[in-house]
Protein backbone atom coordinates (compact mmCIF):
# COMPACT_ATOMS: atom_id res chain seq x y z
CA MET A 1 92.64 66.57 80.80
CA SER A 2 93.76 63.32 79.13
CA MET A 3 94.84 65.18 75.97
CA PHE A 4 97.63 66.84 77.98
CA ARG A 5 98.97 63.57 79.31
CA TYR A 6 101.54 63.14 76.53
CA GLY A 7 105.17 64.07 76.89
CA TYR A 8 105.30 66.16 73.68
CA VAL A 9 102.21 68.13 74.89
CA ALA A 10 102.91 68.54 78.60
CA GLY A 11 106.53 69.45 78.09
CA PRO A 12 106.05 72.35 75.63
CA LEU A 13 103.01 73.65 77.55
CA LEU A 14 104.77 73.63 80.96
CA GLY A 15 107.84 75.07 79.28
CA LEU A 16 105.94 77.89 77.81
CA LEU A 17 104.31 78.84 81.10
CA TRP A 18 107.59 78.39 83.03
CA ALA A 19 109.35 80.65 80.45
CA LEU A 20 106.86 83.44 81.00
CA VAL A 21 107.43 83.27 84.74
CA ILE A 22 111.24 83.28 84.36
CA ALA A 23 111.25 86.01 81.81
CA THR A 24 109.21 88.24 84.04
CA THR A 25 111.38 87.43 87.07
CA THR A 26 114.65 88.03 85.06
CA ALA A 27 113.38 91.35 83.73
CA VAL A 28 112.47 92.57 87.19
CA VAL A 29 115.79 91.40 88.79
CA PHE A 30 117.88 93.07 86.09
CA SER A 31 115.85 96.24 86.08
CA PHE A 32 116.26 96.62 89.90
CA ALA A 33 119.88 95.63 89.79
CA THR A 34 121.12 97.80 86.99
CA GLY A 35 118.43 100.57 86.66
CA GLY A 36 118.11 99.69 82.93
CA ALA A 37 114.96 99.01 80.90
CA TYR A 38 114.07 95.33 80.80
CA ARG A 39 110.73 93.69 80.08
CA PRO A 40 109.70 90.13 79.35
CA GLY A 41 109.30 89.21 75.70
CA GLY A 42 106.09 87.22 75.56
CA ILE A 43 106.53 85.71 72.12
CA GLY A 44 110.23 85.04 72.52
CA ALA A 45 109.97 83.57 75.97
CA GLY A 46 106.97 81.37 74.85
CA LEU A 47 108.84 80.06 71.89
CA LEU A 48 112.03 79.39 73.90
CA GLY A 49 110.07 77.81 76.72
CA ALA A 50 108.08 75.50 74.34
CA GLY A 51 111.18 74.44 72.52
CA LEU A 52 113.15 73.66 75.69
CA GLY A 53 110.06 71.88 77.16
CA THR A 54 110.12 69.55 74.07
CA LEU A 55 113.90 69.06 74.37
CA ALA A 56 113.51 68.29 78.16
CA VAL A 57 111.25 65.36 77.24
CA ALA A 58 113.49 63.93 74.47
CA MET A 59 116.99 64.80 75.74
CA PRO A 60 116.74 66.30 79.21
CA ARG A 61 120.54 66.69 79.71
CA LEU A 62 120.70 69.19 76.84
CA ALA A 63 117.91 71.41 78.05
CA GLY A 64 120.04 73.48 80.36
CA PRO A 65 123.10 74.14 78.13
CA VAL A 66 120.89 74.69 75.08
CA GLY A 67 118.71 77.03 77.03
CA LEU A 68 121.79 79.09 78.16
CA ALA A 69 123.14 79.34 74.64
CA LEU A 70 119.80 80.07 72.90
CA GLY A 71 118.83 82.67 75.51
CA ALA A 72 122.04 84.61 74.90
CA ILE A 73 121.76 84.29 71.11
CA LEU A 74 118.11 85.40 71.08
CA ALA A 75 118.84 88.32 73.28
CA VAL A 76 120.00 90.40 70.27
CA THR A 77 117.00 89.40 68.04
CA PRO A 78 113.42 90.55 67.99
CA VAL A 79 112.29 87.32 69.68
CA ALA A 80 114.29 87.78 72.83
CA ALA A 81 113.03 86.19 75.99
CA VAL A 82 113.96 89.39 77.90
CA VAL A 83 113.61 92.56 75.77
CA THR A 84 116.05 95.41 76.67
CA GLY A 85 115.95 99.12 76.06
CA PRO A 86 118.36 101.15 73.88
CA ASP A 87 120.30 102.31 76.96
CA VAL A 88 121.28 98.78 77.95
CA ALA A 89 124.79 97.59 77.07
CA LEU A 90 125.08 94.60 74.79
CA TRP A 91 126.86 92.43 77.37
CA THR A 92 124.20 93.03 79.85
CA ALA A 93 121.49 92.10 77.42
CA LEU A 94 123.48 88.88 76.58
CA LEU A 95 123.80 88.13 80.28
CA ALA A 96 120.11 88.67 80.93
CA GLY A 97 119.20 86.41 77.99
CA GLY A 98 121.58 83.68 79.10
CA VAL A 99 120.35 83.77 82.72
CA ALA A 100 116.74 83.51 81.52
CA GLY A 101 117.58 80.66 79.12
CA ALA A 102 119.43 78.70 81.80
CA ALA A 103 116.72 79.37 84.40
CA ILE A 104 114.21 77.90 81.89
CA GLY A 105 116.17 74.98 80.63
CA TRP A 106 117.52 73.27 83.71
CA PRO A 107 114.29 73.59 85.81
CA ILE A 108 112.00 72.39 83.04
CA ALA A 109 114.21 69.41 82.62
CA ALA A 110 113.82 68.69 86.36
CA MET A 111 110.06 69.19 86.08
CA MET A 112 109.73 66.70 83.19
CA GLN A 113 112.02 64.16 84.94
CA GLY A 114 110.76 60.62 84.27
CA CYS A 115 108.37 61.75 81.44
CA ARG A 116 108.68 60.11 78.03
CA PRO A 117 107.54 61.48 74.65
CA GLY A 118 104.44 59.36 74.38
CA ALA A 119 101.49 58.80 76.76
CA LEU A 120 102.16 59.60 80.40
CA THR A 121 100.71 57.82 83.42
CA ARG A 122 98.55 59.96 85.70
CA HIS A 123 101.36 59.83 88.36
CA GLU A 124 103.97 61.08 85.91
CA PHE A 125 101.78 63.87 84.58
CA GLU A 126 100.68 65.04 87.99
CA ALA A 127 104.20 64.89 89.30
CA SER A 128 105.45 67.20 86.55
CA VAL A 129 102.57 69.64 87.12
CA ILE A 130 103.23 69.63 90.93
CA ARG A 131 106.88 70.40 90.25
CA PHE A 132 105.91 73.31 88.11
CA LEU A 133 103.49 74.65 90.75
CA THR A 134 106.09 74.29 93.44
CA GLY A 135 108.61 76.30 91.51
CA PHE A 136 106.07 78.92 90.60
CA GLY A 137 105.04 79.23 94.16
CA TYR A 138 108.59 79.63 95.38
CA ILE A 139 109.23 82.45 92.86
CA PHE A 140 105.84 84.13 93.37
CA PHE A 141 105.89 84.28 97.22
CA THR A 142 109.64 85.11 97.36
CA ALA A 143 108.91 88.07 94.98
CA ILE A 144 106.14 89.30 97.20
CA VAL A 145 108.42 89.43 100.18
CA ALA A 146 111.72 90.27 98.59
CA ILE A 147 110.75 92.96 96.07
CA PRO A 148 109.28 95.42 98.63
CA PHE A 149 112.08 94.85 101.06
CA TYR A 150 114.73 95.33 98.29
CA VAL A 151 113.05 98.55 97.11
CA MET A 152 112.95 99.82 100.72
CA VAL A 153 116.66 99.05 101.39
CA MET A 154 117.86 100.48 98.03
CA THR A 155 115.83 103.62 98.43
CA SER A 156 117.20 104.17 101.87
CA LEU A 157 120.75 104.19 100.46
CA LYS A 158 120.11 106.94 97.94
CA ASN A 159 120.22 110.72 98.17
CA GLN A 160 117.55 113.18 97.25
CA SER A 161 119.03 114.05 93.87
CA GLU A 162 119.23 110.46 92.74
CA LEU A 163 115.63 109.79 93.66
CA ILE A 164 114.49 112.93 91.76
CA GLN A 165 116.53 112.03 88.76
CA ASN A 166 115.21 108.48 88.31
CA PRO A 167 112.78 107.24 91.12
CA LEU A 168 112.65 103.72 89.52
CA ASP A 169 116.37 103.21 89.52
CA PHE A 170 117.11 100.83 92.44
CA SER A 171 120.76 100.29 91.73
CA ILE A 172 123.38 101.78 94.06
CA ASP A 173 126.89 103.13 93.66
CA LEU A 174 129.06 101.12 96.03
CA SER A 175 131.97 103.56 95.45
CA LYS A 176 130.36 106.03 97.88
CA GLY A 177 131.36 103.89 100.84
CA TRP A 178 129.90 104.84 104.17
CA GLU A 179 128.11 107.83 102.44
CA LEU A 180 125.51 105.30 101.42
CA PHE A 181 124.30 105.16 105.05
CA ARG A 182 123.86 108.84 105.45
CA SER A 183 120.10 108.60 105.85
CA TYR A 184 120.52 106.29 108.76
CA SER A 185 123.11 108.54 110.53
CA GLU A 186 120.68 111.47 110.10
CA LEU A 187 117.74 109.49 111.48
CA PHE A 188 119.65 108.88 114.74
CA GLY A 189 121.27 112.29 114.84
CA GLN A 190 118.38 114.53 113.75
CA PHE A 191 115.21 112.52 114.27
CA ASN A 192 115.80 110.89 117.67
CA PHE A 193 115.46 107.37 116.35
CA GLY A 194 117.51 105.93 119.16
CA SER A 195 114.81 106.98 121.55
CA TYR A 196 112.15 105.34 119.40
CA LEU A 197 114.02 102.08 119.35
CA TRP A 198 114.47 102.05 123.08
CA THR A 199 110.84 102.86 123.69
CA SER A 200 109.60 100.13 121.39
CA PHE A 201 111.97 97.58 122.99
CA LEU A 202 110.89 98.59 126.55
CA VAL A 203 107.18 98.50 125.67
CA SER A 204 107.50 95.17 123.89
CA VAL A 205 109.37 93.53 126.72
CA LEU A 206 106.96 94.84 129.34
CA THR A 207 104.02 93.63 127.22
CA VAL A 208 105.55 90.13 127.04
CA ILE A 209 106.01 90.06 130.82
CA ILE A 210 102.53 91.31 131.66
CA THR A 211 101.00 89.03 129.08
CA LEU A 212 102.76 85.91 130.49
CA ILE A 213 101.83 86.85 134.14
CA PHE A 214 98.17 86.78 133.23
CA ALA A 215 98.15 84.21 130.47
CA ILE A 216 99.99 81.37 132.25
CA PRO A 217 97.64 81.00 135.24
CA GLY A 218 94.58 81.70 133.05
CA ALA A 219 95.58 79.09 130.50
CA TYR A 220 96.47 76.56 133.21
CA ALA A 221 93.14 77.06 134.94
CA VAL A 222 91.22 76.50 131.67
CA ALA A 223 93.32 73.46 130.83
CA ARG A 224 93.59 71.62 134.19
CA LEU A 225 91.07 72.87 136.74
CA ARG A 226 87.40 72.07 136.88
CA PHE A 227 84.98 74.97 137.57
CA ALA A 228 81.66 76.29 136.37
CA GLY A 229 81.72 77.98 133.00
CA ARG A 230 85.15 76.48 132.12
CA ALA A 231 84.00 75.26 128.67
CA MET A 232 82.40 78.58 127.80
CA ILE A 233 85.54 80.50 128.77
CA SER A 234 87.67 78.15 126.73
CA ARG A 235 85.60 78.64 123.66
CA SER A 236 85.20 82.36 124.04
CA ILE A 237 88.91 83.27 124.64
CA LEU A 238 89.55 84.21 121.04
CA LEU A 239 86.24 86.12 120.63
CA ILE A 240 87.88 89.08 122.38
CA TYR A 241 90.86 88.91 120.01
CA MET A 242 88.53 88.83 117.01
CA VAL A 243 86.96 92.18 117.86
CA PRO A 244 88.65 94.72 115.45
CA MET A 245 90.73 97.24 117.38
CA ILE A 246 89.41 100.06 115.24
CA VAL A 247 85.93 99.52 116.72
CA LEU A 248 87.53 100.11 120.22
CA ALA A 249 89.73 103.02 119.17
CA LEU A 250 87.27 105.86 120.07
CA PRO A 251 86.20 104.45 123.42
CA ILE A 252 89.82 103.79 124.41
CA TYR A 253 90.85 107.33 123.33
CA ILE A 254 88.02 108.86 125.34
CA ALA A 255 88.68 106.72 128.40
CA PHE A 256 92.42 107.30 128.35
CA SER A 257 92.00 111.05 127.88
CA MET A 258 89.65 111.25 130.89
CA LEU A 259 92.08 109.15 133.05
CA GLY A 260 95.11 111.09 131.98
CA LEU A 261 96.72 108.08 130.48
CA ARG A 262 96.93 109.43 126.94
CA ASN A 263 100.36 110.39 125.68
CA SER A 264 102.16 108.30 128.25
CA ILE A 265 104.23 105.17 128.06
CA PHE A 266 102.34 103.76 131.04
CA GLY A 267 99.07 103.99 129.09
CA ILE A 268 100.66 102.08 126.08
CA VAL A 269 101.96 99.36 128.41
CA LEU A 270 98.51 99.08 129.99
CA ILE A 271 96.59 98.69 126.72
CA TYR A 272 98.99 96.51 124.66
CA PRO A 273 98.47 93.41 126.74
CA VAL A 274 94.72 93.67 126.14
CA THR A 275 95.43 92.75 122.45
CA THR A 276 97.92 89.91 123.27
CA ILE A 277 96.53 88.15 126.39
CA PRO A 278 93.70 86.36 124.45
CA VAL A 279 95.93 84.86 121.81
CA ALA A 280 98.54 83.88 124.44
CA LEU A 281 95.75 82.21 126.51
CA TYR A 282 94.60 80.28 123.43
CA MET A 283 98.14 79.11 122.54
CA LEU A 284 99.15 78.09 126.08
CA GLN A 285 95.98 76.25 127.02
CA GLY A 286 96.41 73.86 124.04
CA TYR A 287 99.97 73.14 125.17
CA PHE A 288 99.05 72.64 128.81
CA ARG A 289 96.40 70.12 127.79
CA GLY A 290 99.00 68.14 126.01
CA LEU A 291 101.17 67.80 129.04
CA PRO A 292 100.74 64.43 130.93
CA ALA A 293 98.59 65.13 133.88
CA GLU A 294 100.19 62.29 135.76
CA ILE A 295 103.40 64.23 136.28
CA GLU A 296 101.57 66.99 138.02
CA GLU A 297 99.51 64.62 140.09
CA ALA A 298 102.74 62.98 141.26
CA GLY A 299 103.99 66.34 142.39
CA LEU A 300 100.77 66.97 144.33
CA MET A 301 101.07 63.57 146.00
CA ASP A 302 104.63 64.49 147.07
CA GLY A 303 103.23 67.45 148.97
CA LEU A 304 103.71 70.24 146.41
CA SER A 305 101.05 72.91 146.33
CA ARG A 306 99.43 73.79 143.00
CA LEU A 307 101.52 76.86 142.55
CA LYS A 308 104.70 74.97 143.19
CA VAL A 309 103.53 72.32 140.69
CA ILE A 310 103.13 74.98 138.09
CA TRP A 311 106.46 76.62 138.87
CA GLN A 312 108.57 73.54 139.32
CA ILE A 313 107.00 71.12 136.84
CA THR A 314 104.64 72.67 134.34
CA LEU A 315 106.62 75.72 133.34
CA PRO A 316 109.98 73.91 132.78
CA LEU A 317 108.13 71.48 130.58
CA SER A 318 106.48 74.36 128.76
CA MET A 319 109.52 76.32 127.75
CA PRO A 320 109.15 75.71 123.99
CA ALA A 321 105.52 77.06 124.19
CA LEU A 322 106.52 79.99 126.46
CA ALA A 323 109.28 80.84 124.01
CA SER A 324 106.93 80.89 120.97
CA VAL A 325 104.28 82.91 122.83
CA SER A 326 106.87 85.42 124.03
CA LEU A 327 108.20 85.87 120.50
CA TYR A 328 104.76 86.21 119.00
CA VAL A 329 103.65 88.74 121.64
CA PHE A 330 106.91 90.69 121.22
CA MET A 331 106.30 90.89 117.44
CA ILE A 332 102.75 92.11 118.00
CA ALA A 333 103.85 94.80 120.39
CA TRP A 334 106.79 95.90 118.26
CA ASN A 335 104.74 96.25 115.11
CA GLU A 336 101.62 97.75 116.69
CA PHE A 337 100.66 101.12 115.17
CA LEU A 338 97.03 102.07 115.62
CA LEU A 339 97.09 102.48 119.44
CA ALA A 340 100.47 104.22 119.34
CA PHE A 341 99.29 106.64 116.65
CA MET A 342 96.03 107.36 118.54
CA LEU A 343 97.42 107.74 122.05
CA LEU A 344 100.90 109.30 121.53
CA ASP A 345 101.50 112.95 120.46
CA ASP A 346 104.77 113.78 122.20
CA PRO A 347 107.75 112.88 119.96
CA SER A 348 109.87 112.07 122.99
CA LYS A 349 107.47 109.19 123.77
CA PHE A 350 107.02 107.88 120.27
CA THR A 351 107.35 104.15 119.66
CA LEU A 352 109.20 103.10 116.49
CA THR A 353 106.08 102.68 114.35
CA ARG A 354 104.74 106.09 115.49
CA GLY A 355 108.09 107.63 114.74
CA ILE A 356 108.06 106.20 111.21
CA ALA A 357 104.62 107.58 110.68
CA ALA A 358 105.94 111.01 111.59
CA LEU A 359 108.49 110.73 108.73
CA ASN A 360 105.64 110.35 106.17
CA SER A 361 105.62 114.02 105.29
CA SER A 362 106.37 116.03 102.13
CA GLU A 363 108.90 117.98 104.14
CA ILE A 364 111.02 114.86 104.90
CA PRO A 365 112.94 113.09 102.05
CA ARG A 366 111.63 109.65 101.11
CA GLN A 367 114.93 107.95 101.85
CA HIS A 368 114.57 108.81 105.52
CA LEU A 369 111.17 107.12 105.65
CA MET A 370 112.65 103.97 103.94
CA ALA A 371 115.56 103.97 106.27
CA GLY A 372 113.28 104.14 109.24
CA SER A 373 111.22 101.22 107.87
CA VAL A 374 114.48 99.11 107.45
CA ILE A 375 115.40 99.91 111.11
CA ALA A 376 111.98 98.79 112.25
CA THR A 377 112.03 95.62 110.18
CA VAL A 378 115.56 94.17 110.48
CA PRO A 379 115.63 93.69 114.25
CA ILE A 380 112.32 91.78 114.35
CA MET A 381 113.29 89.78 111.26
CA ALA A 382 116.63 88.81 112.86
CA LEU A 383 114.86 87.85 116.12
CA PHE A 384 112.34 85.73 114.26
CA LEU A 385 114.95 83.89 112.12
CA GLY A 386 117.08 83.31 115.19
CA LEU A 387 114.29 81.94 117.29
CA GLU A 388 112.21 80.35 114.60
CA ARG A 389 112.88 76.78 115.74
CA PHE A 390 111.59 77.60 119.20
CA MET A 391 108.43 79.19 117.76
CA THR A 392 107.80 76.22 115.40
CA LYS A 393 108.34 73.77 118.24
CA GLY A 394 106.08 75.67 120.57
CA LEU A 395 103.36 76.08 118.05
CA THR A 396 103.24 72.38 117.23
CA ALA A 397 103.85 71.02 120.73
CA GLY A 398 100.78 69.86 122.46
CA SER A 399 98.95 69.27 119.16
CA VAL A 400 99.07 65.54 119.79
CA LYS A 401 98.50 64.07 123.18
CA GLY A 402 100.62 61.21 124.59
């Protein structure tokens, strides 16, 4: 490892690796955005990255501008960082090369900040490597999340003829206006998606309410009260949650069919809390343990009953935890598919996930399936982003006593 701890070795090496990452990312982005043929040029990207890595060690301020210029110039040569197909316009190829060069030069200069051409200290070398891994991690995990969502959204905005003509073209024609959203209007007009949304919302809200009704007293009892078997119950709460639902699928199907609960919203509302109560118990008991017991004891000394202590003292102090548990349970119920697929056959009673599964047919255009997936994803994503601070606060609260 010591052989790499030199500025003129670490710089070109990290620059080469970073250039390959950026060239691949740029090729994917431009392919999706324009529908043209782009691919990373391994040799060109490696040479450009190694050169900019060396420049970032010697003259870091020049790495960005030089990268921008060189990327655009090399775009029309055989050693381009991003190789384009014959159908790609010249200005688009220059733009892709310039973007790739700039995205290599400025970041690699930041990664090699504080590094000199000669021997590096262990701290300087490790800091540059950590910066590289951090940047790679951001790009990698963003791509994992963003690319499928982008493909899903763009596909939902196309018509059948466009998909048949070029299934890999994920660009859209904005001149169509509201016609782009034709798949969404057809989903609500022809496939009863409004009913699916309402059913999923109703089932999810009822699941949250039922879960909290059972989880709050259960978690409080495990956290505060003393009784035989308390420790065993506390340790075994998550064991129920760890049992794969697919193992219980057949017994649940048989039992619900015999009881007449299959193909009913009541049956779904009855079974969903079984999957959410254990995790809610686990989350809430940790928070209740973190609350100062002296506050509750003071309430008992003032003449409050145990139930009033829970209602007037414990629950108001536990609002962050309750908010996070409610959000988590709502997400589980909203996204649940196996039980809904197994128990619901009547389209008028489908939840959203069950309704989307019904669109997965050769008789239904693919853009409708993608539009349904967007409809299922966006509301829960907006809810999570809007309430994320409450979820984070609730998950971390109670982790440290005092």
